[in-house]
Amino acid sequence: MHGQPQGPTTWQKCEMGAAMGAGVGLTIGFLFGGFSILRGGAGPRGVLPTLSQYMLSSAATFSFFLAIGSVIRNDAQLPPHFEAARLQLTSPMMQSRAEGLTLMKRRWDAERKNEHN
């Protein structure tokens, strides 16, 4: 198949979302955990276990939600018959400027043909 390039699979999207969520979660956990330790003390377990708990719980939460969100979000191209139906059902205000300009030119050409006939 030499046609259109293939996008990532659903599993790859899930992995990418989880990896991004883990990075964001570790960073947020480090910031909030560090602030909490500086403000209230490390507690009975010590600094490193407390900070790692903040970071890991934040990373797990962000990974879970970003993995799901990246799978739900779908940037795939629609098949041609679905794209045609979408263009017919959307109002002209919702279409892009280029599509609107093309539509106006077609209508003007049709009006000119009707005037000459």
C-alpha atoms as a PDB file:
ATOM      1  CA  MET A   1       0.000   0.000   0.000  1.00  0.00           C
ATOM      2  CA  HIS A   2       1.761   3.082  -1.279  1.00  0.00           C
ATOM      3  CA  GLY A   3      -1.241   5.415  -0.823  1.00  0.00           C
ATOM      4  CA  GLN A   4      -1.663   7.565   2.233  1.00  0.00           C
ATOM      5  CA  PRO A   5       0.809   7.370   5.108  1.00  0.00           C
ATOM      6  CA  GLN A   6      -0.521   5.443   8.067  1.00  0.00           C
ATOM      7  CA  GLY A   7      -0.922   7.183  11.427  1.00  0.00           C
ATOM      8  CA  PRO A   8      -0.202   5.712  14.821  1.00  0.00           C
ATOM      9  CA  THR A   9      -2.314   2.826  16.037  1.00  0.00           C
ATOM     10  CA  THR A  10      -4.635   3.138  19.007  1.00  0.00           C
ATOM     11  CA  TRP A  11      -2.116   1.352  21.225  1.00  0.00           C
ATOM     12  CA  GLN A  12       0.674   3.691  20.111  1.00  0.00           C
ATOM     13  CA  LYS A  13      -1.550   6.684  20.886  1.00  0.00           C
ATOM     14  CA  CYS A  14      -2.220   5.239  24.329  1.00  0.00           C
ATOM     15  CA  GLU A  15       1.498   4.711  24.972  1.00  0.00           C
ATOM     16  CA  MET A  16       2.362   8.242  23.822  1.00  0.00           C
ATOM     17  CA  GLY A  17      -0.321   9.737  26.049  1.00  0.00           C
ATOM     18  CA  ALA A  18       0.855   7.697  29.019  1.00  0.00           C
ATOM     19  CA  ALA A  19       4.477   8.728  28.456  1.00  0.00           C
ATOM     20  CA  MET A  20       3.563  12.407  28.195  1.00  0.00           C
ATOM     21  CA  GLY A  21       1.350  12.116  31.267  1.00  0.00           C
ATOM     22  CA  ALA A  22       4.143  10.448  33.226  1.00  0.00           C
ATOM     23  CA  GLY A  23       6.550  13.259  32.373  1.00  0.00           C
ATOM     24  CA  VAL A  24       4.072  15.948  33.298  1.00  0.00           C
ATOM     25  CA  GLY A  25       3.018  14.079  36.440  1.00  0.00           C
ATOM     26  CA  LEU A  26       6.591  13.588  37.650  1.00  0.00           C
ATOM     27  CA  THR A  27       7.303  17.275  37.183  1.00  0.00           C
ATOM     28  CA  ILE A  28       4.109  18.420  38.906  1.00  0.00           C
ATOM     29  CA  GLY A  29       4.667  15.892  41.700  1.00  0.00           C
ATOM     30  CA  PHE A  30       8.203  17.163  42.212  1.00  0.00           C
ATOM     31  CA  LEU A  31       7.048  20.782  42.388  1.00  0.00           C
ATOM     32  CA  PHE A  32       4.066  20.235  44.676  1.00  0.00           C
ATOM     33  CA  GLY A  33       5.819  17.585  46.768  1.00  0.00           C
ATOM     34  CA  GLY A  34       8.875  19.770  47.224  1.00  0.00           C
ATOM     35  CA  PHE A  35       6.697  22.709  48.210  1.00  0.00           C
ATOM     36  CA  SER A  36       4.750  20.568  50.657  1.00  0.00           C
ATOM     37  CA  ILE A  37       7.932  19.204  52.229  1.00  0.00           C
ATOM     38  CA  LEU A  38       9.436  22.675  52.556  1.00  0.00           C
ATOM     39  CA  ARG A  39       6.233  24.047  54.053  1.00  0.00           C
ATOM     40  CA  GLY A  40       5.204  21.251  56.405  1.00  0.00           C
ATOM     41  CA  GLY A  41       8.238  19.031  56.831  1.00  0.00           C
ATOM     42  CA  ALA A  42       8.961  15.578  55.492  1.00  0.00           C
ATOM     43  CA  GLY A  43       7.043  13.652  58.122  1.00  0.00           C
ATOM     44  CA  PRO A  44       8.055  10.382  59.775  1.00  0.00           C
ATOM     45  CA  ARG A  45       9.137   8.648  56.556  1.00  0.00           C
ATOM     46  CA  GLY A  46      11.727  11.201  55.487  1.00  0.00           C
ATOM     47  CA  VAL A  47      12.247  13.487  52.520  1.00  0.00           C
ATOM     48  CA  LEU A  48      12.930  11.036  49.685  1.00  0.00           C
ATOM     49  CA  PRO A  49      10.058   8.595  50.310  1.00  0.00           C
ATOM     50  CA  THR A  50       7.595  11.458  50.760  1.00  0.00           C
ATOM     51  CA  LEU A  51       8.748  13.226  47.598  1.00  0.00           C
ATOM     52  CA  SER A  52       8.707   9.986  45.584  1.00  0.00           C
ATOM     53  CA  GLN A  53       5.161   9.247  46.760  1.00  0.00           C
ATOM     54  CA  TYR A  54       4.007  12.664  45.545  1.00  0.00           C
ATOM     55  CA  MET A  55       5.788  12.204  42.232  1.00  0.00           C
ATOM     56  CA  LEU A  56       4.596   8.648  41.566  1.00  0.00           C
ATOM     57  CA  SER A  57       0.975   9.280  42.472  1.00  0.00           C
ATOM     58  CA  SER A  58       0.906  12.405  40.314  1.00  0.00           C
ATOM     59  CA  ALA A  59       2.596  10.559  37.418  1.00  0.00           C
ATOM     60  CA  ALA A  60       0.133   7.673  37.629  1.00  0.00           C
ATOM     61  CA  THR A  61      -2.854  10.012  37.617  1.00  0.00           C
ATOM     62  CA  PHE A  62      -1.636  12.138  34.715  1.00  0.00           C
ATOM     63  CA  SER A  63      -0.580   9.029  32.730  1.00  0.00           C
ATOM     64  CA  PHE A  64      -3.991   7.456  33.109  1.00  0.00           C
ATOM     65  CA  PHE A  65      -5.952  10.497  32.000  1.00  0.00           C
ATOM     66  CA  LEU A  66      -3.631  11.532  29.168  1.00  0.00           C
ATOM     67  CA  ALA A  67      -3.549   7.962  27.815  1.00  0.00           C
ATOM     68  CA  ILE A  68      -7.333   7.877  27.689  1.00  0.00           C
ATOM     69  CA  GLY A  69      -7.535  11.387  26.275  1.00  0.00           C
ATOM     70  CA  SER A  70      -5.065  10.680  23.496  1.00  0.00           C
ATOM     71  CA  VAL A  71      -7.042   7.615  22.407  1.00  0.00           C
ATOM     72  CA  ILE A  72     -10.354   9.470  22.485  1.00  0.00           C
ATOM     73  CA  ARG A  73      -8.997  12.369  20.472  1.00  0.00           C
ATOM     74  CA  ASN A  74      -9.105  11.331  16.840  1.00  0.00           C
ATOM     75  CA  ASP A  75      -7.235  13.287  14.193  1.00  0.00           C
ATOM     76  CA  ALA A  76      -7.667  10.651  11.505  1.00  0.00           C
ATOM     77  CA  GLN A  77      -8.902  11.650   8.087  1.00  0.00           C
ATOM     78  CA  LEU A  78     -12.470  10.672   7.360  1.00  0.00           C
ATOM     79  CA  PRO A  79     -13.186   8.417   4.402  1.00  0.00           C
ATOM     80  CA  PRO A  80     -14.192  10.450   1.323  1.00  0.00           C
ATOM     81  CA  HIS A  81     -17.924   9.648   1.540  1.00  0.00           C
ATOM     82  CA  PHE A  82     -18.038  10.712   5.216  1.00  0.00           C
ATOM     83  CA  GLU A  83     -16.114  13.905   4.413  1.00  0.00           C
ATOM     84  CA  ALA A  84     -18.586  14.748   1.647  1.00  0.00           C
ATOM     85  CA  ALA A  85     -21.513  14.191   4.013  1.00  0.00           C
ATOM     86  CA  ARG A  86     -19.849  16.352   6.668  1.00  0.00           C
ATOM     87  CA  LEU A  87     -19.342  19.192   4.198  1.00  0.00           C
ATOM     88  CA  GLN A  88     -22.977  19.016   3.083  1.00  0.00           C
ATOM     89  CA  LEU A  89     -24.330  19.017   6.632  1.00  0.00           C
ATOM     90  CA  THR A  90     -22.184  21.820   8.059  1.00  0.00           C
ATOM     91  CA  SER A  91     -23.411  25.355   7.668  1.00  0.00           C
ATOM     92  CA  PRO A  92     -21.389  27.730   5.467  1.00  0.00           C
ATOM     93  CA  MET A  93     -20.377  29.671   8.595  1.00  0.00           C
ATOM     94  CA  MET A  94     -18.636  26.592   9.985  1.00  0.00           C
ATOM     95  CA  GLN A  95     -16.642  25.887   6.843  1.00  0.00           C
ATOM     96  CA  SER A  96     -13.198  27.298   6.176  1.00  0.00           C
ATOM     97  CA  ARG A  97     -12.710  30.514   4.251  1.00  0.00           C
ATOM     98  CA  ALA A  98     -11.316  28.646   1.248  1.00  0.00           C
ATOM     99  CA  GLU A  99     -14.358  26.367   1.108  1.00  0.00           C
ATOM    100  CA  GLY A 100     -16.662  29.355   1.477  1.00  0.00           C
ATOM    101  CA  LEU A 101     -14.892  31.212  -1.335  1.00  0.00           C
ATOM    102  CA  THR A 102     -15.140  28.187  -3.612  1.00  0.00           C
ATOM    103  CA  LEU A 103     -18.849  27.863  -2.810  1.00  0.00           C
ATOM    104  CA  MET A 104     -19.466  31.563  -3.562  1.00  0.00           C
ATOM    105  CA  LYS A 105     -17.640  31.336  -6.894  1.00  0.00           C
ATOM    106  CA  ARG A 106     -19.746  28.323  -7.912  1.00  0.00           C
ATOM    107  CA  ARG A 107     -22.954  30.164  -7.024  1.00  0.00           C
ATOM    108  CA  TRP A 108     -21.883  33.269  -8.962  1.00  0.00           C
ATOM    109  CA  ASP A 109     -21.022  31.134 -12.004  1.00  0.00           C
ATOM    110  CA  ALA A 110     -24.412  29.421 -11.773  1.00  0.00           C
ATOM    111  CA  GLU A 111     -26.182  32.804 -11.553  1.00  0.00           C
ATOM    112  CA  ARG A 112     -24.263  34.113 -14.593  1.00  0.00           C
ATOM    113  CA  LYS A 113     -25.272  31.031 -16.583  1.00  0.00           C
ATOM    114  CA  ASN A 114     -28.923  31.548 -15.617  1.00  0.00           C
ATOM    115  CA  GLU A 115     -28.797  35.248 -16.631  1.00  0.00           C
ATOM    116  CA  HIS A 116     -27.353  34.445 -20.078  1.00  0.00           C
ATOM    117  CA  ASN A 117     -29.916  31.694 -20.736  1.00  0.00           C
END
